[in-house]
């Protein structure tokens, strides 16, 4: 088998034991392996290093020893070019992502000086290079946005799309829960292909697939920014889920109806006070066992 056939079968991982030994005896074996390793390490999703390596090798015609002396420099140049192209492609298409853990919050600044405060256990992603053309972020969790003036600004979630015509709003997208509150300006919410526009103080809330009517919001910003979670006629299971995110604990309910509606709040700074805030209104007791909290109705 000639040299080019060996290399081709090697790229396809199709060498038998005898052919592999013959491939290893090629004079430029080490350079070929190094080139392939570098391109595999840096390749982007749409960049096929095997094809590019074969393209380089296809320029090498004949197998006479007189041409071996310029093969190694050519491979080195090809490796450098492949790496540079791969790194450039990868870095220019890569999104910037921010993830908060349980009991963690953070605030970031977007490329246009817009700011985003991100609540616990949330994920935000955007692309810096496309920002001037398309101001768009992906959100899983909860975040409060203060948007700088400019072209349209969109927040994409798995539940719906929020289009910004104003400056300040809160988006909360959790399991079976999707809420948008407008605090300033005008916000459009696209849900099931229909857009609803919200003015300051107006909300859009979907729980378990049902549209929930809420009173007008009187706060200037969401309560969680000041380390407090506030609820008005919200199923208790949503309260428990938020408590677990803020304190990094697990809550077990015993004889407690998680579908009952809860109105109240709890602080993020004092777990004992927070437990009393959610237990007393429902007349349930609580106990702590390591990282697990048990809420029980006697």
Protein backbone atom coordinates (compact mmCIF):
# COMPACT_ATOMS: atom_id res chain seq x y z
CA UNK A 1 0.00 0.00 0.00
CA UNK A 2 1.39 3.40 -0.93
CA UNK A 3 1.94 6.31 1.42
CA UNK A 4 -1.16 8.35 0.45
CA UNK A 5 -3.49 5.36 0.90
CA UNK A 6 -2.02 4.71 4.36
CA UNK A 7 -2.63 8.32 5.41
CA UNK A 8 -6.16 8.30 4.01
CA UNK A 9 -7.06 5.11 5.90
CA UNK A 10 -5.42 6.51 9.05
CA UNK A 11 -7.60 9.62 8.88
CA UNK A 12 -10.65 7.34 8.65
CA UNK A 13 -9.40 5.20 11.60
CA UNK A 14 -9.49 2.24 9.24
CA UNK A 15 -5.96 0.79 9.47
CA UNK A 16 -5.47 -2.86 10.36
CA UNK A 17 -2.55 -3.93 12.58
CA UNK A 18 -0.14 -4.52 9.69
CA UNK A 19 -1.06 -1.23 7.98
CA UNK A 20 -0.73 0.69 11.25
CA UNK A 21 2.82 -0.57 11.69
CA UNK A 22 3.62 0.50 8.14
CA UNK A 23 2.10 3.94 8.79
CA UNK A 24 4.23 4.40 11.91
CA UNK A 25 7.36 3.78 9.82
CA UNK A 26 6.65 6.77 7.56
CA UNK A 27 9.36 9.42 7.83
CA UNK A 28 6.86 12.18 8.63
CA UNK A 29 4.71 10.06 11.01
CA UNK A 30 5.32 12.33 14.03
CA UNK A 31 4.46 15.49 12.07
CA UNK A 32 1.23 13.97 10.77
CA UNK A 33 0.11 12.93 14.26
CA UNK A 34 0.97 16.35 15.72
CA UNK A 35 -0.90 18.19 12.96
CA UNK A 36 -4.02 16.06 13.39
CA UNK A 37 -3.93 16.45 17.19
CA UNK A 38 -3.67 20.25 16.99
CA UNK A 39 -6.54 20.54 14.56
CA UNK A 40 -8.75 18.22 16.63
CA UNK A 41 -8.07 20.31 19.74
CA UNK A 42 -9.04 23.62 18.20
CA UNK A 43 -11.63 22.71 15.59
CA UNK A 44 -15.02 24.43 15.49
CA UNK A 45 -18.35 22.66 14.87
CA UNK A 46 -18.34 23.26 11.11
CA UNK A 47 -14.61 22.82 10.48
CA UNK A 48 -13.59 19.33 9.32
CA UNK A 49 -9.90 18.88 10.08
CA UNK A 50 -9.71 15.56 8.22
CA UNK A 51 -10.84 17.18 4.99
CA UNK A 52 -8.43 20.11 5.46
CA UNK A 53 -5.51 17.75 6.12
CA UNK A 54 -6.35 15.73 3.03
CA UNK A 55 -6.50 18.96 1.00
CA UNK A 56 -2.98 19.82 2.12
CA UNK A 57 -1.74 16.33 1.34
CA UNK A 58 -3.42 16.35 -2.08
CA UNK A 59 -1.02 19.09 -3.15
CA UNK A 60 1.85 16.69 -2.64
CA UNK A 61 2.17 14.75 -5.88
CA UNK A 62 4.42 11.79 -6.32
CA UNK A 63 6.27 9.90 -3.67
CA UNK A 64 9.83 10.35 -4.73
CA UNK A 65 12.34 11.02 -1.97
CA UNK A 66 13.33 14.25 -3.72
CA UNK A 67 10.15 15.91 -2.44
CA UNK A 68 10.34 14.77 1.19
CA UNK A 69 12.58 17.70 2.18
CA UNK A 70 9.78 20.28 1.70
CA UNK A 71 6.96 18.12 3.18
CA UNK A 72 7.74 18.82 6.82
CA UNK A 73 7.83 22.65 6.47
CA UNK A 74 4.58 22.50 4.50
CA UNK A 75 2.90 20.46 7.24
CA UNK A 76 4.10 22.89 9.89
CA UNK A 77 2.70 25.85 7.94
CA UNK A 78 -0.57 23.98 7.39
CA UNK A 79 -0.80 23.24 11.12
CA UNK A 80 -0.28 26.89 12.04
CA UNK A 81 -2.87 28.06 9.51
CA UNK A 82 -5.39 25.45 10.64
CA UNK A 83 -4.94 26.38 14.28
CA UNK A 84 -5.25 30.11 13.60
CA UNK A 85 -8.39 29.62 11.51
CA UNK A 86 -9.93 27.30 14.09
CA UNK A 87 -9.20 29.62 17.01
CA UNK A 88 -10.57 32.63 15.09
CA UNK A 89 -13.74 30.79 14.04
CA UNK A 90 -14.26 29.39 17.53
CA UNK A 91 -13.77 32.65 19.42
CA UNK A 92 -15.88 34.78 17.07
CA UNK A 93 -18.89 32.44 17.20
CA UNK A 94 -18.70 31.57 20.88
CA UNK A 95 -21.36 32.98 23.19
CA UNK A 96 -20.54 34.64 26.49
CA UNK A 97 -22.32 32.73 29.25
CA UNK A 98 -22.99 33.57 32.88
CA UNK A 99 -24.25 30.98 35.34
CA UNK A 100 -25.24 31.58 38.96
CA UNK A 101 -25.31 28.76 41.48
CA UNK A 102 -27.69 28.17 44.36
CA UNK A 103 -27.66 31.05 46.88
CA UNK A 104 -25.72 33.25 44.41
CA UNK A 105 -26.61 36.46 42.58
CA UNK A 106 -24.57 38.61 40.23
CA UNK A 107 -24.82 41.75 38.07
CA UNK A 108 -23.14 42.11 34.67
CA UNK A 109 -22.83 44.81 32.03
CA UNK A 110 -23.65 44.03 28.41
CA UNK A 111 -21.65 45.48 25.45
CA UNK A 112 -24.03 48.46 25.11
CA UNK A 113 -23.79 49.36 28.84
CA UNK A 114 -27.14 47.70 29.60
CA UNK A 115 -27.02 45.94 32.97
CA UNK A 116 -28.47 42.60 34.02
CA UNK A 117 -28.93 41.44 37.61
CA UNK A 118 -29.15 37.64 37.65
CA UNK A 119 -30.92 35.75 40.43
CA UNK A 120 -29.83 32.44 41.96
CA UNK A 121 -29.60 29.29 39.82
CA UNK A 122 -29.92 31.08 36.49
CA UNK A 123 -28.20 31.08 33.09
CA UNK A 124 -27.64 33.97 30.65
CA UNK A 125 -25.93 33.89 27.23
CA UNK A 126 -25.19 36.47 24.51
CA UNK A 127 -22.78 37.01 21.62
CA UNK A 128 -20.46 40.01 21.84
CA UNK A 129 -19.54 40.02 18.16
CA UNK A 130 -23.15 40.12 16.95
CA UNK A 131 -24.29 42.59 19.57
CA UNK A 132 -24.33 45.74 17.42
CA UNK A 133 -26.42 43.93 14.81
CA UNK A 134 -28.62 41.91 17.15
CA UNK A 135 -29.11 42.79 20.82
CA UNK A 136 -30.35 39.42 22.04
CA UNK A 137 -29.83 37.29 25.15
CA UNK A 138 -30.91 33.81 26.17
CA UNK A 139 -32.22 33.37 29.71
CA UNK A 140 -32.99 30.36 31.86
CA UNK A 141 -33.99 31.44 35.35
CA UNK A 142 -34.61 34.99 36.54
CA UNK A 143 -33.02 38.35 35.74
CA UNK A 144 -33.74 42.07 36.01
CA UNK A 145 -32.77 44.20 33.00
CA UNK A 146 -31.92 47.88 32.67
CA UNK A 147 -31.62 48.34 28.93
CA UNK A 148 -29.67 51.17 27.31
CA UNK A 149 -31.35 53.06 24.47
CA UNK A 150 -30.78 51.65 21.02
CA UNK A 151 -32.19 49.12 18.58
CA UNK A 152 -34.57 46.37 19.65
CA UNK A 153 -33.54 44.20 22.58
CA UNK A 154 -34.81 40.64 23.00
CA UNK A 155 -34.76 38.12 25.82
CA UNK A 156 -35.34 34.57 24.63
CA UNK A 157 -36.63 31.91 27.02
CA UNK A 158 -38.05 28.45 26.49
CA UNK A 159 -41.47 29.80 27.52
CA UNK A 160 -41.61 32.95 25.38
CA UNK A 161 -39.77 35.93 23.93
CA UNK A 162 -39.58 39.33 25.59
CA UNK A 163 -39.08 42.32 23.27
CA UNK A 164 -38.01 45.54 24.87
CA UNK A 165 -39.45 48.90 23.91
CA UNK A 166 -38.48 50.43 27.27
CA UNK A 167 -35.73 50.11 29.81
CA UNK A 168 -36.49 48.22 33.01
CA UNK A 169 -38.20 44.85 33.41
CA UNK A 170 -37.90 41.50 35.19
CA UNK A 171 -38.13 38.08 33.55
CA UNK A 172 -38.60 34.88 35.54
CA UNK A 173 -38.66 31.59 33.67
CA UNK A 174 -38.69 28.50 35.84
CA UNK A 175 -40.31 25.07 35.57
CA UNK A 176 -44.02 25.62 34.77
CA UNK A 177 -43.59 29.31 35.64
CA UNK A 178 -43.13 32.30 33.30
CA UNK A 179 -43.45 35.90 34.50
CA UNK A 180 -42.57 39.28 33.04
CA UNK A 181 -43.00 42.53 34.98
CA UNK A 182 -42.52 45.94 33.37
CA UNK A 183 -41.10 48.63 35.65
CA UNK A 184 -40.33 51.35 33.12
CA UNK A 185 -41.05 51.97 29.44
CA UNK A 186 -42.84 49.35 27.35
CA UNK A 187 -42.25 45.59 27.10
CA UNK A 188 -43.67 43.11 24.59
CA UNK A 189 -44.15 39.47 25.57
CA UNK A 190 -44.61 36.87 22.82
CA UNK A 191 -46.29 33.72 24.13
CA UNK A 192 -47.87 31.06 21.90
CA UNK A 193 -47.26 33.33 18.88
CA UNK A 194 -49.28 36.20 20.44
CA UNK A 195 -47.68 39.43 21.66
CA UNK A 196 -48.90 41.29 24.71
CA UNK A 197 -47.49 44.73 25.52
CA UNK A 198 -46.92 45.71 29.13
CA UNK A 199 -46.79 49.22 30.51
CA UNK A 200 -45.10 50.14 33.83
CA UNK A 201 -46.66 48.19 36.69
CA UNK A 202 -48.24 45.57 34.42
CA UNK A 203 -47.36 41.88 34.59
CA UNK A 204 -47.69 38.76 32.49
CA UNK A 205 -47.80 35.51 34.47
CA UNK A 206 -48.25 31.90 33.34
CA UNK A 207 -48.29 29.11 35.96
CA UNK A 208 -48.76 25.50 34.86
CA UNK A 209 -49.90 26.74 31.46
CA UNK A 210 -52.60 29.03 32.85
CA UNK A 211 -52.68 32.82 32.56
CA UNK A 212 -52.83 34.38 36.03
CA UNK A 213 -54.21 37.87 36.65
CA UNK A 214 -52.12 39.99 39.01
CA UNK A 215 -52.58 43.31 40.74
CA UNK A 216 -50.55 46.24 39.48
CA UNK A 217 -46.94 46.20 40.62
CA UNK A 218 -46.15 49.16 42.87
CA UNK A 219 -42.48 48.47 43.48
CA UNK A 220 -39.79 50.31 41.52
CA UNK A 221 -37.77 47.08 41.12
CA UNK A 222 -38.15 43.39 42.04
CA UNK A 223 -37.84 42.50 45.73
CA UNK A 224 -35.13 39.89 45.17
CA UNK A 225 -32.64 42.67 44.35
CA UNK A 226 -32.85 43.65 48.04
CA UNK A 227 -32.56 40.02 49.19
CA UNK A 228 -36.23 39.30 49.73
CA UNK A 229 -38.67 37.09 47.83
CA UNK A 230 -42.25 38.35 47.75
CA UNK A 231 -45.34 36.37 46.71
CA UNK A 232 -48.99 37.23 46.14
CA UNK A 233 -51.38 34.28 45.78
CA UNK A 234 -48.69 31.98 44.38
CA UNK A 235 -48.79 28.14 44.71
CA UNK A 236 -46.74 27.08 47.71
CA UNK A 237 -44.57 24.77 45.57
CA UNK A 238 -43.19 27.87 43.80
CA UNK A 239 -42.36 29.43 47.18
CA UNK A 240 -40.55 26.26 48.24
CA UNK A 241 -38.59 26.12 44.98
CA UNK A 242 -37.41 29.72 45.41
CA UNK A 243 -36.48 29.07 49.06
CA UNK A 244 -34.33 26.10 47.97
CA UNK A 245 -32.56 28.24 45.34
CA UNK A 246 -31.79 31.06 47.77
CA UNK A 247 -30.54 28.88 50.65
CA UNK A 248 -29.16 25.83 48.82
CA UNK A 249 -31.28 23.42 50.85
CA UNK A 250 -33.83 20.70 50.16
CA UNK A 251 -37.33 20.99 51.59
CA UNK A 252 -39.59 18.01 52.29
CA UNK A 253 -43.30 18.57 52.79
CA UNK A 254 -45.25 16.30 55.14
CA UNK A 255 -49.05 16.60 54.97
CA UNK A 256 -48.66 20.05 53.41
CA UNK A 257 -50.61 20.91 50.25
CA UNK A 258 -48.09 22.36 47.79
CA UNK A 259 -50.87 23.69 45.54
CA UNK A 260 -52.36 26.03 48.18
CA UNK A 261 -51.85 29.72 47.47
CA UNK A 262 -49.33 31.66 49.55
CA UNK A 263 -49.09 35.39 50.16
CA UNK A 264 -46.07 36.66 52.02
CA UNK A 265 -42.30 37.00 51.77
CA UNK A 266 -39.03 35.68 53.15
CA UNK A 267 -35.57 37.18 53.57
CA UNK A 268 -32.45 35.76 51.89
CA UNK A 269 -30.16 36.68 54.80
CA UNK A 270 -31.53 34.71 57.76
CA UNK A 271 -32.72 31.15 57.25
CA UNK A 272 -34.47 30.80 60.61
CA UNK A 273 -36.42 34.00 60.10
CA UNK A 274 -37.17 32.96 56.54
CA UNK A 275 -38.51 29.58 57.69
CA UNK A 276 -40.83 31.25 60.18
CA UNK A 277 -42.07 33.56 57.43
CA UNK A 278 -43.24 30.67 55.25
CA UNK A 279 -44.30 28.24 58.03
CA UNK A 280 -46.37 30.41 60.37
CA UNK A 281 -48.89 31.71 57.77
CA UNK A 282 -49.75 28.09 56.88
CA UNK A 283 -49.65 26.89 60.50
CA UNK A 284 -47.00 24.25 59.87
CA UNK A 285 -43.93 23.31 61.89
CA UNK A 286 -40.39 22.97 60.61
CA UNK A 287 -37.25 21.09 61.57
CA UNK A 288 -33.74 20.99 60.13
CA UNK A 289 -31.68 17.88 59.49
CA UNK A 290 -28.30 18.75 57.97
CA UNK A 291 -29.13 20.26 54.56
CA UNK A 292 -32.76 19.12 54.59
CA UNK A 293 -35.69 21.05 56.02
CA UNK A 294 -38.97 19.32 56.88
CA UNK A 295 -42.21 21.32 56.85
CA UNK A 296 -44.95 19.35 58.55
CA UNK A 297 -48.61 19.88 59.28
CA UNK A 298 -49.60 18.10 62.52
